[in-house]
Amino acid sequence: MNDSAPAPAPRRARVRAPELIGKGGWLNTGGNDLTLADLRGKIVLLDFCE
């Protein structure tokens, strides 16, 4: 039996998500463009249909 603590999991590099920009623009936002900072902490539904 080994009483030593397990080794911590290796840390992953943090990757910043790119801003969401598309041809059609944002829907249901009253004409306002949103940034990822505006959406932080909110639930967002993305629908990628053509």
N, C-alpha and C. Protein backbone atom coordinates (compact mmCIF):
# COMPACT_ATOMS: atom_id res chain seq x y z
N MET A 1 0.85 -1.19 0.00
CA MET A 1 0.00 0.00 0.00
C MET A 1 0.89 1.24 0.00
N ASN A 2 0.56 2.19 -0.80
CA ASN A 2 1.34 3.41 -0.95
C ASN A 2 0.56 4.55 -0.31
N ASP A 3 1.15 5.21 0.71
CA ASP A 3 0.46 6.29 1.42
C ASP A 3 0.75 7.66 0.85
N SER A 4 1.54 7.75 -0.20
CA SER A 4 1.85 9.06 -0.77
C SER A 4 0.64 9.59 -1.54
N ALA A 5 0.56 10.91 -1.58
CA ALA A 5 -0.55 11.55 -2.29
C ALA A 5 -0.40 11.34 -3.79
N PRO A 6 -1.51 11.21 -4.52
CA PRO A 6 -1.41 11.04 -5.98
C PRO A 6 -0.84 12.30 -6.62
N ALA A 7 -0.16 12.13 -7.71
CA ALA A 7 0.42 13.26 -8.44
C ALA A 7 -0.71 14.11 -9.02
N PRO A 8 -0.57 15.44 -8.95
CA PRO A 8 -1.62 16.29 -9.53
C PRO A 8 -1.68 16.11 -11.04
N ALA A 9 -2.87 16.30 -11.57
CA ALA A 9 -3.07 16.18 -13.03
C ALA A 9 -2.32 17.31 -13.72
N PRO A 10 -1.73 17.04 -14.88
CA PRO A 10 -1.03 18.12 -15.60
C PRO A 10 -2.00 19.22 -16.01
N ARG A 11 -1.55 20.46 -15.94
CA ARG A 11 -2.41 21.59 -16.30
C ARG A 11 -2.46 21.74 -17.80
N ARG A 12 -3.63 22.04 -18.30
CA ARG A 12 -3.82 22.27 -19.73
C ARG A 12 -3.59 23.74 -20.03
N ALA A 13 -3.08 24.01 -21.20
CA ALA A 13 -2.90 25.39 -21.64
C ALA A 13 -4.28 26.00 -21.89
N ARG A 14 -4.47 27.23 -21.46
CA ARG A 14 -5.74 27.90 -21.69
C ARG A 14 -5.73 28.52 -23.08
N VAL A 15 -6.82 28.31 -23.81
CA VAL A 15 -6.94 28.82 -25.17
C VAL A 15 -8.11 29.80 -25.19
N ARG A 16 -7.89 30.98 -25.71
CA ARG A 16 -8.95 31.98 -25.80
C ARG A 16 -9.80 31.70 -27.03
N ALA A 17 -11.09 31.69 -26.86
CA ALA A 17 -12.01 31.45 -27.97
C ALA A 17 -12.04 32.68 -28.88
N PRO A 18 -12.15 32.46 -30.17
CA PRO A 18 -12.26 33.61 -31.10
C PRO A 18 -13.65 34.24 -30.99
N GLU A 19 -13.73 35.50 -31.35
CA GLU A 19 -15.03 36.16 -31.37
C GLU A 19 -15.92 35.49 -32.42
N LEU A 20 -17.20 35.50 -32.19
CA LEU A 20 -18.17 34.89 -33.10
C LEU A 20 -18.62 35.93 -34.13
N ILE A 21 -18.18 35.74 -35.35
CA ILE A 21 -18.51 36.68 -36.43
C ILE A 21 -19.05 35.86 -37.60
N GLY A 22 -20.16 36.27 -38.13
CA GLY A 22 -20.74 35.55 -39.25
C GLY A 22 -21.36 36.49 -40.25
N LYS A 23 -21.76 35.93 -41.38
CA LYS A 23 -22.38 36.74 -42.45
C LYS A 23 -23.72 37.31 -42.02
N GLY A 24 -24.50 36.51 -41.32
CA GLY A 24 -25.86 36.91 -41.01
C GLY A 24 -25.99 37.82 -39.81
N GLY A 25 -24.96 37.95 -39.01
CA GLY A 25 -25.05 38.78 -37.82
C GLY A 25 -25.79 38.05 -36.70
N TRP A 26 -26.03 38.77 -35.63
CA TRP A 26 -26.71 38.22 -34.46
C TRP A 26 -28.22 38.30 -34.65
N LEU A 27 -28.92 37.28 -34.20
CA LEU A 27 -30.38 37.28 -34.25
C LEU A 27 -30.94 37.55 -32.87
N ASN A 28 -32.09 38.19 -32.81
CA ASN A 28 -32.82 38.44 -31.56
C ASN A 28 -32.01 39.22 -30.53
N THR A 29 -31.21 40.19 -30.98
CA THR A 29 -30.44 41.02 -30.05
C THR A 29 -30.81 42.50 -30.18
N GLY A 30 -31.86 42.78 -30.90
CA GLY A 30 -32.26 44.17 -31.08
C GLY A 30 -31.30 44.97 -31.94
N GLY A 31 -30.57 44.27 -32.83
CA GLY A 31 -29.63 44.96 -33.71
C GLY A 31 -28.26 45.19 -33.09
N ASN A 32 -28.04 44.77 -31.85
CA ASN A 32 -26.75 44.97 -31.19
C ASN A 32 -25.83 43.79 -31.47
N ASP A 33 -24.56 44.10 -31.75
CA ASP A 33 -23.55 43.05 -31.86
C ASP A 33 -23.06 42.71 -30.47
N LEU A 34 -22.82 41.45 -30.21
CA LEU A 34 -22.36 41.00 -28.90
C LEU A 34 -20.93 40.49 -28.98
N THR A 35 -20.20 40.61 -27.89
CA THR A 35 -18.86 40.06 -27.80
C THR A 35 -18.89 38.90 -26.81
N LEU A 36 -17.81 38.13 -26.79
CA LEU A 36 -17.74 37.04 -25.82
C LEU A 36 -17.78 37.58 -24.40
N ALA A 37 -17.22 38.75 -24.18
CA ALA A 37 -17.25 39.36 -22.85
C ALA A 37 -18.70 39.65 -22.43
N ASP A 38 -19.55 40.05 -23.38
CA ASP A 38 -20.96 40.32 -23.09
C ASP A 38 -21.69 39.03 -22.69
N LEU A 39 -21.24 37.90 -23.22
CA LEU A 39 -21.92 36.63 -23.00
C LEU A 39 -21.36 35.85 -21.82
N ARG A 40 -20.28 36.29 -21.24
CA ARG A 40 -19.63 35.56 -20.14
C ARG A 40 -20.61 35.34 -18.98
N GLY A 41 -20.71 34.09 -18.54
CA GLY A 41 -21.58 33.75 -17.43
C GLY A 41 -23.03 33.50 -17.83
N LYS A 42 -23.33 33.62 -19.10
CA LYS A 42 -24.70 33.41 -19.58
C LYS A 42 -24.78 32.10 -20.36
N ILE A 43 -25.96 31.54 -20.41
CA ILE A 43 -26.19 30.35 -21.22
C ILE A 43 -26.44 30.81 -22.65
N VAL A 44 -25.70 30.21 -23.60
CA VAL A 44 -25.78 30.61 -25.00
C VAL A 44 -26.08 29.37 -25.84
N LEU A 45 -27.05 29.49 -26.71
CA LEU A 45 -27.39 28.41 -27.64
C LEU A 45 -26.86 28.79 -29.02
N LEU A 46 -26.00 27.94 -29.57
CA LEU A 46 -25.45 28.17 -30.90
C LEU A 46 -26.11 27.20 -31.86
N ASP A 47 -26.62 27.71 -32.96
CA ASP A 47 -27.27 26.88 -33.97
C ASP A 47 -26.54 27.10 -35.29
N PHE A 48 -25.78 26.10 -35.71
CA PHE A 48 -25.00 26.19 -36.94
C PHE A 48 -25.76 25.47 -38.06
N CYS A 49 -26.66 26.17 -38.69
CA CYS A 49 -27.38 25.56 -39.82
C CYS A 49 -27.14 26.43 -41.05
N GLU A 50 -27.26 25.80 -42.18
CA GLU A 50 -27.03 26.54 -43.42
C GLU A 50 -28.30 26.70 -44.19
